[in-house]
Protein backbone atom coordinates (compact mmCIF):
# COMPACT_ATOMS: atom_id res chain seq x y z
CA MET A 1 20.48 52.81 -19.31
CA TRP A 2 23.73 50.87 -19.39
CA LYS A 3 22.86 49.39 -16.01
CA ALA A 4 19.46 48.31 -17.32
CA LEU A 5 21.04 46.70 -20.39
CA ALA A 6 23.61 44.96 -18.24
CA LEU A 7 20.87 43.63 -15.98
CA PHE A 8 18.87 42.45 -19.00
CA PHE A 9 21.82 40.54 -20.48
CA ALA A 10 22.62 39.08 -17.07
CA LEU A 11 19.07 37.74 -16.82
CA VAL A 12 19.29 36.32 -20.35
CA LEU A 13 22.54 34.57 -19.49
CA LEU A 14 21.04 33.28 -16.23
CA VAL A 15 18.01 31.82 -18.02
CA ALA A 16 20.25 30.29 -20.68
CA ALA A 17 22.51 28.82 -18.04
CA SER A 18 19.57 27.34 -16.15
CA ARG A 19 18.29 25.75 -19.35
CA GLN A 20 21.73 24.37 -20.11
CA GLN A 21 21.82 22.85 -16.64
CA GLU A 22 18.56 21.02 -17.26
CA ILE A 23 19.25 17.50 -18.42
CA GLY A 24 15.96 15.87 -19.31
CA VAL A 25 13.03 18.11 -18.40
CA GLU A 26 12.34 19.31 -21.94
CA HIS A 27 12.82 15.80 -23.30
CA CYS A 28 10.34 14.44 -20.74
CA THR A 29 7.66 17.05 -21.42
CA LYS A 30 7.88 16.44 -25.18
CA LEU A 31 7.60 12.72 -24.54
CA PHE A 32 4.54 13.27 -22.36
CA LEU A 33 2.90 15.41 -25.03
CA THR A 34 3.44 12.74 -27.69
CA ASP A 35 2.21 9.92 -25.46
CA ALA A 36 -0.76 11.96 -24.20
CA LEU A 37 -1.95 12.47 -27.77
CA ALA A 38 -1.58 8.74 -28.41
CA PHE A 39 -3.59 7.98 -25.27
CA ALA A 40 -6.37 10.32 -26.39
CA GLY A 41 -6.51 8.45 -29.70
CA ASN A 42 -6.80 5.12 -27.90
CA VAL A 43 -9.61 6.43 -25.71
CA ARG A 44 -11.45 7.50 -28.86
CA GLU A 45 -11.06 4.03 -30.39
CA MET A 46 -12.26 2.47 -27.14
CA ARG A 47 -15.37 4.65 -27.14
CA VAL A 48 -16.19 3.59 -30.71
CA ALA A 49 -15.72 -0.10 -29.84
CA ILE A 50 -17.94 0.15 -26.77
CA GLY A 51 -20.57 1.92 -28.86
CA GLN A 52 -20.58 -1.10 -31.18
CA ILE A 53 -21.17 -3.63 -28.39
CA ASP A 54 -23.96 -6.08 -29.13
CA SER A 55 -24.69 -8.36 -26.18
CA THR A 56 -25.50 -11.17 -28.63
CA ASP A 57 -22.18 -10.77 -30.46
CA ALA A 58 -19.18 -12.12 -28.54
CA ASN A 59 -16.77 -10.61 -31.07
CA SER A 60 -18.01 -7.07 -30.37
CA ILE A 61 -17.43 -7.59 -26.65
CA ALA A 62 -13.98 -9.07 -27.25
CA ASN A 63 -13.11 -6.09 -29.47
CA ALA A 64 -14.19 -3.66 -26.75
CA LYS A 65 -12.00 -5.48 -24.23
CA GLU A 66 -9.05 -5.30 -26.60
CA LYS A 67 -9.53 -1.55 -27.12
CA LEU A 68 -9.78 -1.08 -23.35
CA LYS A 69 -6.51 -2.97 -22.96
CA ASN A 70 -4.86 -0.74 -25.59
CA ALA A 71 -6.09 2.37 -23.79
CA ARG A 72 -4.67 1.05 -20.53
CA LEU A 73 -1.29 0.38 -22.14
CA ALA A 74 -1.24 3.88 -23.62
CA TYR A 75 -2.12 5.34 -20.23
CA LYS A 76 0.78 3.54 -18.58
CA ARG A 77 3.17 5.54 -20.76
CA ILE A 78 2.00 8.77 -19.11
CA ALA A 79 1.05 7.49 -15.65
CA TYR A 80 4.43 8.35 -14.05
CA PHE A 81 4.03 11.99 -15.16
CA LEU A 82 0.35 12.45 -14.31
CA ASP A 83 0.50 10.72 -10.93
CA TYR A 84 3.48 12.78 -9.81
CA PHE A 85 2.75 16.23 -11.22
CA PHE A 86 -1.04 16.18 -11.70
CA PHE A 87 -2.38 13.60 -9.26
CA THR A 88 -5.93 14.98 -9.19
CA SER A 89 -6.13 14.84 -12.99
CA SER A 90 -4.80 11.29 -12.99
CA ARG A 91 -7.77 10.16 -10.91
CA ILE A 92 -10.04 10.80 -13.89
CA TYR A 93 -8.43 7.92 -15.74
CA ASN A 94 -7.35 5.27 -13.27
CA ARG A 95 -9.03 5.38 -9.88
CA PRO A 96 -10.35 2.20 -8.21
CA PRO A 97 -13.82 1.03 -9.31
CA LYS A 98 -15.50 1.94 -6.04
CA THR A 99 -16.76 5.03 -4.26
CA GLU A 100 -13.77 6.55 -2.50
CA ILE A 101 -13.98 8.73 0.58
CA GLU A 102 -11.63 11.69 0.72
CA GLU A 103 -10.78 12.29 4.36
CA PRO A 104 -10.96 14.20 6.63
CA HIS A 105 -13.95 15.96 5.05
CA LEU A 106 -15.72 12.75 3.90
CA GLU A 107 -16.06 13.95 0.31
CA TYR A 108 -17.25 11.23 -2.05
CA GLY A 109 -15.33 10.31 -5.18
CA GLU A 110 -17.55 8.35 -7.56
CA PRO A 111 -16.11 5.44 -9.55
CA MET A 112 -14.71 6.55 -12.89
CA GLY A 113 -12.03 5.78 -15.41
CA LEU A 114 -10.42 2.71 -16.90
CA GLN A 115 -10.72 0.45 -13.85
CA TYR A 116 -14.41 1.25 -13.56
CA LEU A 117 -14.87 0.54 -17.27
CA GLU A 118 -13.25 -2.86 -16.81
CA ALA A 119 -15.63 -3.72 -13.97
CA LEU A 120 -18.66 -2.67 -16.06
CA LEU A 121 -17.46 -4.44 -19.19
CA PHE A 122 -16.82 -7.76 -17.48
CA ASP A 123 -19.99 -7.57 -15.37
CA ASN A 124 -22.72 -6.89 -17.94
CA PRO A 125 -21.48 -5.34 -21.20
CA GLY A 126 -24.92 -4.96 -22.72
CA GLY A 127 -26.68 -3.66 -19.64
CA ASN A 128 -23.82 -1.30 -18.74
CA LYS A 129 -23.31 0.07 -22.25
CA ALA A 130 -24.88 3.48 -21.58
CA GLU A 131 -22.78 4.06 -18.45
CA MET A 132 -19.63 2.90 -20.24
CA LEU A 133 -20.26 5.35 -23.08
CA ARG A 134 -20.79 8.14 -20.56
CA GLN A 135 -17.45 7.29 -18.97
CA CYS A 136 -15.74 7.15 -22.36
CA ARG A 137 -17.03 10.55 -23.44
CA PHE A 138 -15.90 12.10 -20.18
CA MET A 139 -12.44 10.55 -20.49
CA GLU A 140 -12.21 11.46 -24.16
CA THR A 141 -12.87 15.13 -23.40
CA ALA A 142 -10.37 15.09 -20.54
CA ALA A 143 -7.71 13.26 -22.58
CA ASP A 144 -8.01 15.76 -25.43
CA ASP A 145 -7.21 18.49 -22.91
CA LEU A 146 -4.09 16.79 -21.50
CA PRO A 147 -1.68 19.03 -23.47
CA ALA A 148 -3.17 22.03 -21.65
CA LEU A 149 -1.60 20.75 -18.43
CA LEU A 150 1.77 21.84 -19.81
CA TYR A 151 0.78 25.51 -19.90
CA ASN A 152 3.27 27.28 -17.61
CA PHE A 153 4.46 23.86 -16.46
CA LYS A 154 7.71 23.87 -14.54
CA ALA A 155 9.67 20.94 -13.22
CA THR A 156 13.19 20.03 -12.22
CA ASP A 157 15.35 17.11 -13.19
CA ALA A 158 15.15 15.90 -9.61
CA GLN A 159 11.35 15.78 -9.79
CA ILE A 160 11.40 13.94 -13.11
CA LEU A 161 13.73 11.35 -11.62
CA GLU A 162 11.60 10.91 -8.52
CA SER A 163 8.53 10.39 -10.69
CA VAL A 164 10.13 7.48 -12.56
CA ARG A 165 11.57 5.84 -9.44
CA LEU A 166 8.05 5.87 -7.96
CA GLU A 167 6.73 4.41 -11.20
CA LEU A 168 9.17 1.53 -10.82
CA VAL A 169 7.76 0.89 -7.33
CA ARG A 170 4.30 0.89 -8.89
CA VAL A 171 5.42 -1.73 -11.40
CA MET A 172 6.85 -3.99 -8.68
CA THR A 173 3.89 -3.75 -6.31
CA LEU A 174 0.78 -3.01 -8.36
CA SER A 175 1.21 -3.75 -12.06
CA ILE A 176 2.53 -7.29 -11.73
CA SER A 177 -0.16 -8.06 -9.13
CA GLY A 178 -2.95 -7.06 -11.50
CA PHE A 179 -4.17 -4.32 -9.18
CA ASP A 180 -5.35 -2.03 -11.99
CA ALA A 181 -6.84 -4.69 -14.26
CA PRO A 182 -7.71 -7.91 -12.40
CA SER A 183 -10.14 -9.14 -15.07
CA LEU A 184 -8.18 -8.13 -18.18
CA LYS A 185 -5.04 -9.59 -16.61
CA SER A 186 -2.99 -7.12 -18.62
CA GLY A 187 -0.68 -6.30 -15.72
CA LEU A 188 2.48 -7.73 -17.27
CA LYS A 189 2.05 -5.81 -20.52
CA GLU A 190 1.25 -2.69 -18.51
CA ALA A 191 4.42 -3.20 -16.47
CA LEU A 192 6.35 -3.44 -19.73
CA ALA A 193 4.74 -0.24 -21.05
CA SER A 194 5.71 1.57 -17.84
CA LEU A 195 9.30 0.35 -18.05
CA GLU A 196 9.55 1.38 -21.70
CA ALA A 197 8.38 4.86 -20.69
CA ILE A 198 10.95 4.94 -17.87
CA ASP A 199 13.60 3.88 -20.39
CA GLU A 200 12.73 6.79 -22.69
CA VAL A 201 12.63 9.34 -19.87
CA LEU A 202 16.00 8.24 -18.47
CA LYS A 203 17.93 8.35 -21.77
CA PRO A 204 19.32 11.89 -21.34
CA TYR A 205 20.17 11.16 -17.70
CA MET A 206 21.96 7.92 -18.52
CA LYS A 207 23.88 9.76 -21.24
CA HIS A 208 24.73 12.64 -18.90
CA SER A 209 25.95 10.33 -16.14
CA LYS A 210 27.69 8.01 -18.60
CA ASP A 211 25.84 5.16 -16.88
CA ASP A 212 25.13 2.19 -19.14
CA ILE A 213 24.50 -0.12 -16.16
CA VAL A 214 21.00 1.28 -15.62
CA TRP A 215 20.23 0.82 -19.31
CA LYS A 216 21.36 -2.82 -19.20
CA TRP A 217 19.12 -3.56 -16.21
CA LEU A 218 16.21 -1.76 -17.85
CA VAL A 219 16.58 -3.83 -21.00
CA SER A 220 16.83 -7.02 -18.94
CA CYS A 221 13.55 -6.19 -17.18
CA GLU A 222 11.85 -5.35 -20.47
CA VAL A 223 13.02 -8.56 -22.14
CA TYR A 224 11.87 -10.65 -19.17
CA LEU A 225 8.40 -9.10 -19.27
CA ALA A 226 8.16 -9.22 -23.07
CA LYS A 227 8.61 -12.99 -23.14
CA SER A 228 6.11 -13.56 -20.30
CA ASN A 229 2.62 -14.00 -21.72
CA ASN A 230 0.80 -15.85 -18.94
CA PHE A 231 -0.28 -13.63 -16.05
CA ASP A 232 -1.20 -16.53 -13.76
CA THR A 233 2.08 -18.43 -14.11
CA PHE A 234 4.47 -15.45 -14.24
CA ASP A 235 7.44 -15.89 -11.87
CA ARG A 236 7.16 -12.63 -9.95
CA LEU A 237 9.72 -13.55 -7.34
CA ASP A 238 12.38 -14.19 -9.98
CA PHE A 239 11.48 -10.97 -11.78
CA LEU A 240 11.80 -8.99 -8.55
CA THR A 241 14.96 -10.51 -7.13
CA SER A 242 16.88 -11.01 -10.38
CA TYR A 243 15.83 -7.91 -12.31
CA ALA A 244 13.54 -5.23 -10.84
CA LEU A 245 15.12 -4.81 -7.39
CA PRO A 246 18.67 -4.57 -8.81
CA LEU A 247 17.32 -2.00 -11.29
CA GLN A 248 15.84 0.02 -8.42
CA GLU A 249 19.21 0.03 -6.68
CA ARG A 250 21.09 1.11 -9.83
CA ILE A 251 18.66 3.93 -10.59
CA GLY A 252 19.09 5.17 -7.02
CA ASN A 253 22.87 5.10 -7.39
CA MET A 254 22.69 7.05 -10.66
CA ILE A 255 20.41 9.71 -9.18
CA ARG A 256 22.64 10.16 -6.13
CA GLY A 257 25.71 10.28 -8.33
CA MET A 258 24.23 13.22 -10.23
CA GLY A 259 23.25 14.98 -7.00
CA LEU A 260 19.60 15.02 -8.06
CA GLU A 261 17.94 13.14 -5.22
CA ILE A 262 14.85 14.68 -3.63
CA ASN A 263 12.03 13.18 -1.60
CA GLU A 264 8.90 15.26 -2.04
CA LYS A 265 6.56 12.37 -1.22
CA GLY A 266 8.31 11.61 2.06
CA THR A 267 7.41 8.00 2.90
CA LEU A 268 10.12 5.96 1.21
CA ASN A 269 13.76 6.10 2.23
CA TYR A 270 15.67 6.44 -1.02
CA ASN A 271 18.94 5.52 0.67
CA ALA A 272 17.65 1.95 1.03
CA LYS A 273 18.76 -0.38 -1.75
CA ASN A 274 15.20 -1.41 -2.55
CA ILE A 275 11.68 -1.48 -1.13
CA PHE A 276 12.16 -4.86 0.57
CA ARG A 277 15.03 -3.69 2.74
CA PRO A 278 14.29 -3.16 6.47
CA ASP A 279 15.13 0.54 6.09
CA ALA A 280 12.88 1.06 3.05
CA PHE A 281 10.60 3.52 4.86
CA ALA A 282 11.57 6.90 6.26
CA LYS A 283 11.51 6.91 10.06
CA THR A 284 9.52 10.15 10.14
CA ALA A 285 6.86 9.01 7.66
CA PHE A 286 4.28 7.83 10.18
CA GLY A 287 2.45 9.74 12.89
CA GLY A 288 4.49 10.27 16.05
CA SER A 289 7.41 8.31 14.61
CA ALA A 290 9.90 10.92 15.78
CA ASN A 291 9.67 9.22 19.20
CA THR A 292 12.40 6.65 18.54
CA ASP A 293 14.83 7.46 21.38
CA PRO A 294 16.29 4.11 22.59
CA ALA A 295 16.08 5.25 26.22
CA LEU A 296 12.41 6.13 25.74
CA ALA A 297 11.80 2.72 24.14
CA GLU A 298 13.54 0.99 27.07
CA LEU A 299 11.18 2.73 29.49
CA GLY A 300 8.31 1.81 27.19
CA GLU A 301 9.24 -1.87 27.28
CA LYS A 302 9.01 -1.90 31.07
CA LEU A 303 5.71 -0.04 30.99
CA PHE A 304 4.42 -2.49 28.36
CA PHE A 305 4.43 -5.21 31.04
CA GLU A 306 3.24 -2.93 33.87
CA THR A 307 -0.06 -4.27 35.25
CA ARG A 308 -0.49 -1.27 37.54
CA LEU A 309 -1.53 0.75 34.52
CA SER A 310 -4.87 -1.07 34.77
CA SER A 311 -7.43 -0.20 37.44
CA ASN A 312 -7.26 -3.52 39.30
CA GLY A 313 -3.60 -4.32 38.65
CA THR A 314 -4.32 -7.42 36.55
CA ARG A 315 -3.88 -6.29 32.94
CA SER A 316 -0.97 -4.86 30.98
CA CYS A 317 -0.37 -4.28 27.28
CA ALA A 318 1.30 -7.69 27.19
CA SER A 319 -1.89 -9.37 28.43
CA CYS A 320 -3.40 -9.03 24.95
CA HIS A 321 -0.14 -8.66 23.03
CA ASN A 322 2.04 -11.45 24.37
CA PRO A 323 5.58 -11.49 22.89
CA ALA A 324 5.58 -15.30 23.12
CA LEU A 325 2.59 -15.32 20.74
CA HIS A 326 4.07 -12.78 18.31
CA PHE A 327 2.35 -10.02 20.29
CA THR A 328 -1.18 -11.46 20.11
CA ASP A 329 -3.16 -13.50 22.65
CA GLY A 330 -4.53 -16.33 20.51
CA LEU A 331 -8.14 -15.50 21.39
CA PRO A 332 -10.99 -14.55 19.04
CA LYS A 333 -11.55 -11.48 21.21
CA SER A 334 -9.35 -10.44 24.09
CA ILE A 335 -10.43 -10.60 27.72
CA GLY A 336 -10.44 -7.13 29.23
CA ILE A 337 -10.38 -5.75 32.75
CA HIS A 338 -13.53 -7.62 33.81
CA PRO A 339 -12.94 -11.37 34.32
CA GLY A 340 -14.54 -13.46 31.60
CA GLN A 341 -15.76 -10.45 29.60
CA ALA A 342 -14.36 -10.10 26.09
CA VAL A 343 -13.67 -6.80 24.38
CA ARG A 344 -15.27 -5.99 21.03
CA ARG A 345 -12.55 -7.08 18.62
CA ASN A 346 -9.60 -9.35 18.03
CA ALA A 347 -6.14 -8.24 19.21
CA PRO A 348 -3.89 -8.07 16.13
CA SER A 349 -0.13 -8.45 16.33
CA LEU A 350 1.79 -5.29 17.19
CA ILE A 351 4.70 -6.30 14.97
CA TYR A 352 4.97 -3.74 12.14
CA SER A 353 2.00 -1.80 13.57
CA ALA A 354 4.14 1.34 13.40
CA PHE A 355 3.84 1.16 9.60
CA GLN A 356 0.28 2.45 9.45
CA HIS A 357 -1.32 5.88 9.13
CA ALA A 358 -4.29 4.79 11.25
CA GLN A 359 -4.54 2.57 14.33
CA PHE A 360 -7.24 0.18 15.61
CA TRP A 361 -9.28 -1.98 13.26
CA ASP A 362 -11.52 1.00 12.52
CA GLY A 363 -8.65 3.49 12.18
CA ARG A 364 -10.03 5.87 14.79
CA ALA A 365 -6.57 6.72 16.17
CA ARG A 366 -4.01 8.41 13.96
CA THR A 367 -0.93 7.57 16.04
CA LEU A 368 0.31 4.82 18.32
CA GLU A 369 0.38 7.33 21.18
CA GLU A 370 -3.31 8.06 20.70
CA GLN A 371 -4.12 4.36 20.48
CA ILE A 372 -2.21 3.54 23.67
CA ARG A 373 -3.90 6.33 25.57
CA THR A 374 -7.32 5.10 24.40
CA VAL A 375 -6.66 1.49 25.42
CA ILE A 376 -5.35 2.38 28.88
CA HIS A 377 -8.39 4.54 29.61
CA ASP A 378 -10.97 2.23 27.98
CA SER A 379 -13.43 0.95 30.60
CA LEU A 380 -13.51 -2.54 29.03
CA GLU A 381 -9.80 -2.94 28.37
CA MET A 382 -7.60 -1.50 31.17
CA ASN A 383 -9.75 1.22 32.76
CA GLY A 384 -6.54 2.82 33.97
CA LYS A 385 -5.70 6.20 35.44
CA PRO A 386 -2.00 6.60 34.65
CA ALA A 387 -1.90 10.18 35.93
CA GLU A 388 -2.41 8.74 39.43
CA MET A 389 0.35 6.15 39.03
CA VAL A 390 3.18 8.31 37.71
CA ARG A 391 4.19 9.59 41.15
CA LYS A 392 4.47 6.03 42.47
CA PHE A 393 6.56 4.92 39.50
CA ALA A 394 8.92 7.88 39.91
CA LYS A 395 9.73 6.78 43.47
CA GLU A 396 10.86 3.31 42.42
CA ARG A 397 14.53 2.75 41.64
CA PRO A 398 14.08 0.90 38.28
CA TYR A 399 11.85 3.66 36.96
CA ARG A 400 14.08 6.43 38.33
CA ARG A 401 17.03 4.92 36.47
CA LEU A 402 15.09 4.78 33.19
CA ILE A 403 13.73 8.31 33.64
CA LYS A 404 17.27 9.67 34.09
CA LYS A 405 18.42 7.87 30.94
CA ILE A 406 15.83 9.86 29.02
CA ASP A 407 16.70 13.15 30.70
CA PRO A 408 19.21 13.47 33.58
CA ASN A 409 17.31 16.50 34.85
CA ARG A 410 13.91 14.80 34.91
CA LYS A 411 12.64 13.34 38.18
CA THR A 412 9.02 12.53 37.39
CA LEU A 413 6.85 10.89 34.77
CA THR A 414 3.70 12.19 33.14
CA ASP A 415 0.91 10.23 31.53
CA THR A 416 1.95 11.71 28.17
CA ILE A 417 5.46 10.32 28.59
CA ILE A 418 3.94 6.91 29.36
CA TYR A 419 2.08 6.92 26.03
CA LYS A 420 5.15 8.12 24.14
CA ALA A 421 7.41 5.56 25.80
CA ILE A 422 5.17 2.57 25.07
CA ALA A 423 4.75 3.80 21.48
CA ALA A 424 8.53 4.11 21.13
CA TYR A 425 8.86 0.48 22.25
CA VAL A 426 6.17 -0.71 19.82
CA ARG A 427 8.05 1.06 17.02
CA THR A 428 11.02 -1.21 17.66
CA LEU A 429 8.89 -4.23 16.71
CA GLN A 430 9.97 -4.44 13.08
CA PRO A 431 12.35 -7.41 12.88
CA PHE A 432 12.19 -8.30 9.15
CA SER A 433 13.75 -11.64 10.08
CA SER A 434 11.47 -14.07 8.24
CA ASP A 435 12.59 -16.71 5.74
CA PHE A 436 11.04 -14.55 3.02
CA ASP A 437 13.21 -11.60 4.07
CA ARG A 438 16.28 -13.83 4.01
CA TYR A 439 15.38 -14.96 0.49
CA ILE A 440 14.90 -11.41 -0.76
CA ALA A 441 18.26 -10.48 0.79
CA GLY A 442 19.98 -13.13 -1.33
CA ASN A 443 19.65 -16.49 0.44
CA LYS A 444 18.00 -18.52 -2.32
CA SER A 445 17.72 -21.59 -0.10
CA ALA A 446 15.54 -19.78 2.45
CA LEU A 447 12.26 -20.66 0.69
CA THR A 448 10.90 -23.98 -0.51
CA ASP A 449 9.64 -24.41 -4.06
CA ARG A 450 6.07 -24.42 -2.75
CA GLN A 451 6.62 -21.13 -0.92
CA VAL A 452 7.97 -19.54 -4.10
CA ILE A 453 4.89 -20.73 -5.98
CA GLY A 454 2.75 -19.44 -3.12
CA PHE A 455 4.29 -15.96 -3.36
CA ASN A 456 3.64 -15.87 -7.09
CA LEU A 457 0.01 -16.88 -6.51
CA PHE A 458 -0.36 -14.36 -3.67
CA MET A 459 0.92 -11.57 -5.91
CA GLY A 460 -0.92 -12.79 -9.01
CA LYS A 461 -3.81 -15.15 -9.63
CA ALA A 462 -5.13 -15.10 -6.04
CA GLN A 463 -5.11 -11.26 -5.97
CA CYS A 464 -3.98 -11.17 -2.31
CA GLY A 465 -1.31 -8.61 -3.18
CA THR A 466 -3.92 -6.16 -4.47
CA CYS A 467 -4.96 -5.42 -0.87
CA HIS A 468 -1.99 -6.67 1.16
CA PHE A 469 0.59 -4.59 -0.66
CA ALA A 470 4.28 -5.41 -0.81
CA PRO A 471 6.65 -5.07 0.95
CA LEU A 472 4.79 -4.88 4.29
CA PHE A 473 1.85 -6.91 2.97
CA ASN A 474 -0.58 -4.58 4.71
CA GLY A 475 -2.96 -1.85 3.53
CA LEU A 476 -0.37 0.88 2.85
CA ILE A 477 -1.04 1.79 -0.78
CA PRO A 478 1.98 1.96 -3.13
CA PRO A 479 3.88 3.67 -4.56
CA THR A 480 3.84 6.58 -2.09
CA TYR A 481 2.45 4.60 0.88
CA THR A 482 0.75 7.72 2.23
CA LEU A 483 -2.71 6.16 2.73
CA THR A 484 -3.96 3.22 4.77
CA GLU A 485 -6.66 1.23 2.99
CA PHE A 486 -9.94 0.12 4.54
CA GLU A 487 -11.93 -2.67 2.91
CA ILE A 488 -15.46 -4.02 3.18
CA LEU A 489 -15.08 -7.80 3.02
CA GLY A 490 -18.46 -8.95 4.28
CA THR A 491 -16.79 -10.81 7.13
CA THR A 492 -19.01 -13.52 8.58
CA ALA A 493 -20.00 -13.76 12.24
CA SER A 494 -18.50 -17.25 12.55
CA ASP A 495 -16.46 -19.75 10.57
CA ASP A 496 -19.61 -21.49 9.31
CA LEU A 497 -19.33 -20.56 5.65
CA VAL A 498 -22.05 -23.01 4.62
CA HIS A 499 -24.69 -21.13 6.61
CA PRO A 500 -23.05 -17.69 6.83
CA LYS A 501 -24.36 -14.82 8.91
CA THR A 502 -23.30 -11.20 8.62
CA ASP A 503 -21.15 -9.84 11.43
CA PRO A 504 -22.98 -6.85 12.99
CA ASP A 505 -19.82 -4.78 13.66
CA GLN A 506 -20.08 -1.52 11.68
CA GLY A 507 -16.31 -0.97 11.61
CA ARG A 508 -15.03 2.40 10.43
CA PHE A 509 -18.60 3.67 10.06
CA GLU A 510 -18.67 4.18 13.83
CA ALA A 511 -15.67 6.52 13.68
CA ARG A 512 -16.44 8.14 10.30
CA PRO A 513 -20.19 7.82 9.66
CA THR A 514 -20.58 7.50 5.91
CA PRO A 515 -22.41 4.59 4.24
CA TYR A 516 -19.33 3.56 2.30
CA PHE A 517 -17.49 2.83 5.55
CA ARG A 518 -20.20 0.53 6.92
CA GLY A 519 -18.41 -2.72 7.71
CA ALA A 520 -15.02 -1.37 6.57
CA PHE A 521 -11.89 -2.39 8.45
CA LYS A 522 -8.20 -1.62 8.13
CA THR A 523 -6.18 -4.08 6.07
CA PRO A 524 -3.64 -5.62 8.48
CA THR A 525 -0.29 -7.11 7.59
CA VAL A 526 -0.15 -10.82 6.85
CA ARG A 527 3.41 -10.97 8.09
CA ASN A 528 3.35 -13.50 10.96
CA ALA A 529 -0.20 -14.51 10.01
CA ALA A 530 0.74 -18.19 10.24
CA VAL A 531 1.29 -17.89 14.00
CA THR A 532 -1.34 -15.31 14.97
CA ALA A 533 -4.68 -17.11 14.59
CA PRO A 534 -7.60 -16.53 14.83
CA TYR A 535 -8.25 -14.06 12.03
CA MET A 536 -10.36 -11.08 10.98
CA HIS A 537 -11.51 -8.20 13.19
CA ASN A 538 -13.83 -10.51 15.13
CA GLY A 539 -11.55 -13.55 15.29
CA ALA A 540 -14.24 -15.54 13.47
CA LEU A 541 -11.94 -17.57 11.21
CA GLY A 542 -9.78 -19.95 13.19
CA SER A 543 -7.36 -21.16 10.53
CA LEU A 544 -5.62 -20.00 7.38
CA GLU A 545 -7.53 -22.70 5.53
CA LYS A 546 -10.81 -21.01 6.52
CA VAL A 547 -9.41 -17.62 5.51
CA MET A 548 -8.48 -18.98 2.09
CA GLU A 549 -11.94 -20.50 1.68
CA PHE A 550 -13.60 -17.19 2.59
CA TYR A 551 -11.60 -15.21 0.03
CA ASP A 552 -11.78 -17.91 -2.63
CA LYS A 553 -15.58 -17.74 -2.51
CA GLY A 554 -15.62 -13.94 -2.90
CA GLY A 555 -16.10 -12.80 0.69
CA GLY A 556 -19.50 -12.25 2.24
CA ALA A 557 -21.23 -11.27 -1.00
CA GLY A 558 -19.77 -14.31 -2.75
CA LEU A 559 -21.20 -16.47 0.04
CA GLY A 560 -24.65 -15.01 -0.61
CA LEU A 561 -24.81 -12.31 2.07
CA ASP A 562 -26.30 -8.91 1.29
CA ILE A 563 -23.19 -6.68 1.28
CA PRO A 564 -24.09 -3.94 -1.23
CA ASP A 565 -20.88 -1.92 -0.87
CA GLN A 566 -18.41 -4.80 -0.57
CA THR A 567 -15.06 -3.69 -1.96
CA LEU A 568 -13.66 -7.22 -2.22
CA PRO A 569 -14.62 -8.68 -5.63
CA SER A 570 -17.43 -11.18 -5.08
CA ILE A 571 -16.42 -13.32 -8.07
CA PRO A 572 -14.93 -16.65 -6.89
CA LEU A 573 -11.21 -17.09 -7.47
CA ASN A 574 -11.60 -20.82 -8.16
CA LEU A 575 -8.26 -21.69 -6.61
CA SER A 576 -7.38 -25.36 -6.42
CA ASP A 577 -6.65 -27.02 -3.08
CA GLU A 578 -2.99 -27.21 -4.07
CA GLU A 579 -2.88 -23.49 -4.86
CA LYS A 580 -4.46 -22.61 -1.52
CA SER A 581 -1.94 -24.84 0.22
CA ASP A 582 0.94 -23.13 -1.60
CA ILE A 583 -0.28 -19.68 -0.57
CA ILE A 584 -0.47 -20.84 3.04
CA ALA A 585 3.08 -22.18 2.71
CA PHE A 586 4.18 -18.71 1.57
CA LEU A 587 2.41 -17.12 4.54
CA HIS A 588 4.45 -19.39 6.81
CA SER A 589 7.59 -17.95 5.21
CA LEU A 590 6.55 -14.52 6.53
CA THR A 591 6.94 -15.65 10.15
CA ASP A 592 9.64 -13.64 11.92
CA HIS A 593 12.25 -15.47 13.98
CA LEU A 594 11.96 -13.60 17.27
């Protein structure tokens, strides 16, 4: 009996000690409960306002938009918690306003939530009223049940801290770009709401660590956003470099100082000062990325220029990805193994291609190794048989030397090693040496005034940053960067935008046959875009000016083509010639100095 009592008291003391060791978990869960109830109330008010919409009464529509904005602001106070701990539940409230495909099983996710409501409300408030009310009732029921998520909920301080540091990334990459609310243009107020929530969550941690530096940077960010009322003219570059990025660094220092750093999402490298640093992404975050051995990459560089990997000895990887042309070939579509015969698609730059979860324009390869193998064997591209060449390579002194550097005991090559070696070389192509990178690193003279304005337009009014996400400006979706985005743009068959014709290429549909992938292509990086013309998957647009015109008019659907599932908004951006020119100037600042 005494042993049982002793064990009981030991367990009580252990539980008490564990609770004493917790710093802010209880505080955070109470905060979530309070803010969740407030959000449910805002959803209710939004439903009432939408129910009162009269298409002949502009005030009723304006009131509905205001209530939607309030609901969005209330949601931003709980987004960090829901997205981290209950991601599936969060999709009820704030998923993109398009049918999403959950891979690999091709399960459809219908549009729903606040973003979908915005699209309906700004499109046809009277005609969409019934669907909007259906959405509101569904969200209202779900929001009323949010407190139930806390039943048996368990979390650690380290998880709470990771959730808010990811929310800060969301603020810097999505909120200020208007990703969630492009028509309401409430992104700045939403960013402020998120930062205020972060401020509240971090209070016990700042007190515990005796760190008032984080608090000062938080307040500075909040004040900057609070006094910024114009979404289109907001100076995003100043906000990032002078306030948000230093805040990210200080929060990271505080978390490490408390010994509470974890990385359950896996893509970002939390040891980097901020997301714009060259080491911002974990080396193991992308498929096959463990193959980073310098000796393997050195072998891969030689193989990259090896024409004997093609069937007739005329083509190498460098034939279509020429280093002198920033690893492109300058052609609309590359010339393959057969003289004068083009392959199906444009050859994009290989620089930063390692930072993708899918390769090729249609994403049919998951890793660089798989992509390289496919290209070498493709009958139109290289039509190679590397398994037959490896014995010849192994007999040559330069290759023998490189093979021994990889493994002193190895005497031969295999075709698998060839793919791994070339992939290892391609993974070294991440210079981060552009004028923009120099500016972000602290050289304020690296950009011209027009390039600064261009960045702010790119990340704001022009909505470029809502598909080409910072910091890589490709389709990796923040804040976890675990998905590569595919978009249906309605790309034209040529650069004749006055008499446009639909390009027949089915894109990702050929690899993953679902209607919502018909004409979908991977979003590439726009780093080095200024020197890698022509553009798009088919090389149809020969200049950045044509690219800007295409997007400004709303893509294929905006040009009048029948693109029923276009994911690019078809509403014209109405950018001025000067604004387009400034965006192009910014794109020039993304050119790496190789």
